[in-house]
Amino acid sequence: MNDSGISWAKVLIPSVIVVIAAALVAFVIVNDASDNQPAVSADSSEPFPYDIGIERRSAADPLAFGRIDAPITMVVFSDYQCPYCAQWSRDSLPAMLARVDTGQLRIEMRDVSVFGEPSRRAAQAAYAAARQDRYLQFHDALFAGGEKRPASELTDQALIDTATRLGLDITRFTADMMSASTRVAVDRNEHDATTVGAFSTPSFILGGQPIAGAGPTSLYLDKLDALLPGGE
């Protein structure tokens, strides 16, 4: 399977969400199709039939940006070895963050490791940076130029070197990166991805509606505008 989307080898969907399977069919099909046609995106025309609790809206979430009571939340599933995640972060994330600044949107990042252990290390490192309120800077450094880092640049030492260049407290960063609480946090993010059927990256839940793949920025902005109160 190519870089545009890697299916998880083991997917455990809790029985309590079986009733939403029909709503996820389009999401899964689009993810599978993205293996053969990179960077093609689609979205569901209908919201999930009920709140599956994927939006945390917690002030304690270090990977979240925007008001807790923003009218719309965007959950982003991303992998640091995913080239399309890197492109989306360069091309579309700034525009979405601008909507965060207006109070229209809250973004909750979920860094996952569908590409293996290097991605897992990077996700834990990004979470450690977030604990120093430097998540976006670290995220941007790992996706510099809209390009993914090779696995050789996602070793523990390479990640510590990145944090050093960004001026983080390295003693604290290293401890947080290796901590049990950080591992639990990344585990939770990956569980969320499994729960909603986000089998490849990037994948999104915008206002309760799934969007798969790195599409044009207008896709996300138009969807957001339609979901906002008074939108078409």
Protein backbone atom coordinates (compact mmCIF):
# COMPACT_ATOMS: atom_id res chain seq x y z
CA MET A 1 0.00 0.00 0.00
CA ASN A 2 1.39 3.39 -0.89
CA ASP A 3 2.02 6.49 1.21
CA SER A 4 -1.38 8.05 0.55
CA GLY A 5 -3.02 5.89 3.19
CA ILE A 6 -2.08 2.80 5.19
CA SER A 7 -4.83 0.59 6.57
CA TRP A 8 -4.38 -0.49 10.14
CA ALA A 9 -3.59 -4.14 10.53
CA LYS A 10 -5.86 -4.58 13.51
CA VAL A 11 -9.08 -2.64 13.92
CA LEU A 12 -11.18 -3.14 17.01
CA ILE A 13 -14.49 -1.31 16.86
CA PRO A 14 -16.40 -1.32 20.14
CA SER A 15 -19.85 -2.80 20.01
CA VAL A 16 -21.36 0.41 21.33
CA ILE A 17 -20.67 2.17 18.01
CA VAL A 18 -21.89 -0.54 15.67
CA VAL A 19 -25.01 1.50 15.00
CA ILE A 20 -22.95 4.17 13.22
CA ALA A 21 -21.39 1.75 10.74
CA ALA A 22 -23.61 2.86 7.89
CA ALA A 23 -22.55 6.46 8.37
CA LEU A 24 -18.89 5.44 8.12
CA VAL A 25 -19.17 3.41 4.89
CA ALA A 26 -18.37 6.38 2.68
CA PHE A 27 -15.45 7.32 4.93
CA VAL A 28 -13.90 3.85 4.66
CA ILE A 29 -14.44 3.62 0.91
CA VAL A 30 -12.73 6.96 0.34
CA ASN A 31 -9.77 5.94 2.48
CA ASP A 32 -9.36 2.68 0.56
CA ALA A 33 -9.68 4.50 -2.75
CA SER A 34 -6.98 6.97 -1.77
CA ASP A 35 -4.41 4.18 -2.06
CA ASN A 36 -4.89 4.20 -5.82
CA GLN A 37 -5.56 7.91 -6.29
CA PRO A 38 -3.44 10.01 -3.90
CA ALA A 39 -4.69 13.26 -2.42
CA VAL A 40 -8.28 12.81 -3.59
CA SER A 41 -10.76 13.84 -0.92
CA ALA A 42 -14.44 13.32 -0.34
CA ASP A 43 -16.82 14.00 2.47
CA SER A 44 -20.05 12.65 3.81
CA SER A 45 -23.13 14.73 3.09
CA GLU A 46 -24.75 13.70 6.36
CA PRO A 47 -23.55 14.11 9.96
CA PHE A 48 -23.13 11.15 12.24
CA PRO A 49 -26.52 10.06 13.62
CA TYR A 50 -25.49 10.96 17.17
CA ASP A 51 -22.59 12.32 19.14
CA ILE A 52 -19.92 9.61 19.37
CA GLY A 53 -17.86 11.70 21.76
CA ILE A 54 -14.89 12.24 19.46
CA GLU A 55 -14.78 15.96 20.30
CA ARG A 56 -13.18 16.44 23.70
CA ARG A 57 -13.64 20.20 24.15
CA SER A 58 -11.36 20.08 27.17
CA ALA A 59 -9.29 22.98 28.45
CA ALA A 60 -6.69 20.40 29.49
CA ASP A 61 -6.11 19.14 25.93
CA PRO A 62 -2.63 20.40 24.92
CA LEU A 63 -3.24 19.48 21.26
CA ALA A 64 -6.32 21.70 20.92
CA PHE A 65 -6.60 25.23 19.60
CA GLY A 66 -9.56 27.57 19.89
CA ARG A 67 -12.46 28.26 22.18
CA ILE A 68 -13.98 25.31 24.01
CA ASP A 69 -17.39 26.66 23.03
CA ALA A 70 -16.55 27.33 19.37
CA PRO A 71 -19.54 26.45 17.18
CA ILE A 72 -17.60 23.89 15.12
CA THR A 73 -14.79 21.50 16.04
CA MET A 74 -12.37 19.90 13.59
CA VAL A 75 -10.62 16.72 14.73
CA VAL A 76 -7.48 16.01 12.70
CA PHE A 77 -5.90 12.54 12.48
CA SER A 78 -2.33 12.90 11.21
CA ASP A 79 0.89 10.88 11.00
CA TYR A 80 4.38 12.40 10.88
CA GLN A 81 5.49 9.96 8.15
CA CYS A 82 2.49 10.74 5.94
CA PRO A 83 3.39 12.95 2.95
CA TYR A 84 -0.19 14.09 2.45
CA CYS A 85 -0.40 15.12 6.09
CA ALA A 86 2.68 17.25 5.53
CA GLN A 87 1.11 18.86 2.47
CA TRP A 88 -2.15 19.52 4.29
CA SER A 89 -0.30 21.07 7.21
CA ARG A 90 1.53 23.42 4.86
CA ASP A 91 -1.38 24.28 2.55
CA SER A 92 -4.55 24.12 4.66
CA LEU A 93 -3.75 24.23 8.38
CA PRO A 94 -2.87 27.95 8.37
CA ALA A 95 -6.25 28.81 6.82
CA MET A 96 -8.05 26.69 9.40
CA LEU A 97 -6.09 28.28 12.23
CA ALA A 98 -7.18 31.66 10.91
CA ARG A 99 -10.77 30.51 11.48
CA VAL A 100 -9.74 29.49 15.00
CA ASP A 101 -8.63 33.08 15.54
CA THR A 102 -12.09 34.34 14.52
CA GLY A 103 -13.75 32.08 17.10
CA GLN A 104 -15.56 30.03 14.44
CA LEU A 105 -13.53 26.85 14.83
CA ARG A 106 -11.77 24.69 17.39
CA ILE A 107 -9.09 22.28 16.13
CA GLU A 108 -8.19 19.14 18.08
CA MET A 109 -5.14 17.31 16.77
CA ARG A 110 -4.79 13.55 17.07
CA ASP A 111 -1.28 12.45 16.08
CA VAL A 112 -1.27 8.72 15.33
CA SER A 113 1.21 6.08 14.15
CA VAL A 114 -0.27 4.20 11.22
CA PHE A 115 3.20 4.19 9.63
CA GLY A 116 4.90 2.47 12.54
CA GLU A 117 7.26 3.12 15.41
CA PRO A 118 8.99 6.25 14.04
CA SER A 119 5.57 7.89 13.79
CA ARG A 120 4.82 6.82 17.33
CA ARG A 121 8.02 8.43 18.62
CA ALA A 122 7.20 11.62 16.73
CA ALA A 123 3.67 11.68 18.14
CA GLN A 124 5.01 11.34 21.68
CA ALA A 125 7.59 14.04 21.02
CA ALA A 126 4.94 16.40 19.66
CA TYR A 127 2.84 15.78 22.75
CA ALA A 128 5.86 16.57 24.93
CA ALA A 129 6.34 19.82 23.02
CA ALA A 130 2.65 20.59 23.53
CA ARG A 131 3.18 20.36 27.27
CA GLN A 132 5.42 23.40 26.87
CA ASP A 133 2.85 25.14 24.64
CA ARG A 134 5.06 24.59 21.60
CA TYR A 135 3.05 22.01 19.69
CA LEU A 136 2.53 24.00 16.49
CA GLN A 137 6.19 24.97 16.28
CA PHE A 138 7.26 21.36 16.73
CA HIS A 139 4.59 20.11 14.32
CA ASP A 140 5.73 22.60 11.69
CA ALA A 141 9.37 21.62 12.20
CA LEU A 142 8.59 17.95 11.54
CA PHE A 143 6.66 18.93 8.40
CA ALA A 144 9.06 21.68 7.27
CA GLY A 145 8.50 22.68 3.66
CA GLY A 146 5.41 20.49 3.44
CA GLU A 147 7.59 17.38 3.43
CA LYS A 148 7.57 14.41 5.79
CA ARG A 149 10.71 13.44 7.65
CA PRO A 150 12.37 10.10 6.87
CA ALA A 151 12.38 7.56 9.68
CA SER A 152 16.09 8.24 10.25
CA GLU A 153 15.16 11.78 11.35
CA LEU A 154 12.54 10.56 13.81
CA THR A 155 14.83 8.78 16.24
CA ASP A 156 14.72 9.82 19.89
CA GLN A 157 17.92 11.81 19.49
CA ALA A 158 16.77 13.51 16.30
CA LEU A 159 13.53 14.55 17.99
CA ILE A 160 15.44 15.88 20.99
CA ASP A 161 17.67 17.82 18.58
CA THR A 162 14.57 19.36 17.00
CA ALA A 163 13.31 20.39 20.43
CA THR A 164 16.72 21.88 21.22
CA ARG A 165 16.65 24.00 18.06
CA LEU A 166 13.21 25.28 19.06
CA GLY A 167 14.49 26.31 22.49
CA LEU A 168 12.44 23.89 24.58
CA ASP A 169 13.41 22.84 28.09
CA ILE A 170 15.19 19.66 27.02
CA THR A 171 15.24 17.97 30.42
CA ARG A 172 11.50 18.40 30.71
CA PHE A 173 10.91 17.54 27.05
CA THR A 174 12.84 14.28 27.26
CA ALA A 175 11.08 13.23 30.44
CA ASP A 176 7.66 14.04 28.99
CA MET A 177 8.40 12.28 25.70
CA MET A 178 9.21 9.05 27.55
CA SER A 179 6.55 9.34 30.25
CA ALA A 180 3.72 6.90 30.83
CA SER A 181 1.18 9.71 30.71
CA THR A 182 2.32 10.70 27.22
CA ARG A 183 2.09 7.11 26.03
CA VAL A 184 -1.44 6.92 27.40
CA ALA A 185 -2.37 10.17 25.62
CA VAL A 186 -1.10 8.90 22.26
CA ASP A 187 -2.84 5.57 22.85
CA ARG A 188 -6.08 7.48 23.35
CA ASN A 189 -5.59 9.38 20.10
CA GLU A 190 -5.05 6.14 18.22
CA HIS A 191 -8.10 4.60 19.86
CA ASP A 192 -10.15 7.58 18.67
CA ALA A 193 -8.96 6.98 15.10
CA THR A 194 -9.95 3.33 15.30
CA THR A 195 -13.31 4.22 16.80
CA VAL A 196 -14.35 6.46 13.90
CA GLY A 197 -12.81 4.28 11.19
CA ALA A 198 -10.01 6.70 10.29
CA PHE A 199 -7.89 3.97 8.72
CA SER A 200 -5.52 6.28 6.82
CA THR A 201 -4.12 9.76 7.19
CA PRO A 202 -4.93 12.54 7.00
CA SER A 203 -8.53 12.08 8.09
CA PHE A 204 -10.86 14.60 9.66
CA ILE A 205 -14.10 14.94 11.56
CA LEU A 206 -15.45 18.42 10.88
CA GLY A 207 -18.60 19.31 12.75
CA GLY A 208 -19.40 15.61 13.15
CA GLN A 209 -18.87 14.85 9.46
CA PRO A 210 -16.00 12.72 8.09
CA ILE A 211 -13.60 13.99 5.45
CA ALA A 212 -10.87 11.67 4.17
CA GLY A 213 -7.68 12.72 2.44
CA ALA A 214 -5.77 15.92 1.83
CA GLY A 215 -8.05 17.95 -0.42
CA PRO A 216 -7.88 21.60 -1.45
CA THR A 217 -8.19 24.15 1.31
CA SER A 218 -11.51 25.29 -0.15
CA LEU A 219 -13.02 21.89 0.69
CA TYR A 220 -12.58 22.47 4.42
CA LEU A 221 -13.46 26.15 4.37
CA ASP A 222 -16.61 25.60 2.32
CA LYS A 223 -17.70 22.78 4.61
CA LEU A 224 -17.03 24.91 7.68
CA ASP A 225 -19.01 27.81 6.25
CA ALA A 226 -21.93 25.50 5.49
CA LEU A 227 -21.89 24.11 9.03
CA LEU A 228 -21.72 27.44 10.81
CA PRO A 229 -24.98 28.87 12.15
CA GLY A 230 -26.65 30.63 9.25
CA GLY A 231 -24.53 28.74 6.71
CA GLU A 232 -25.98 27.41 3.50
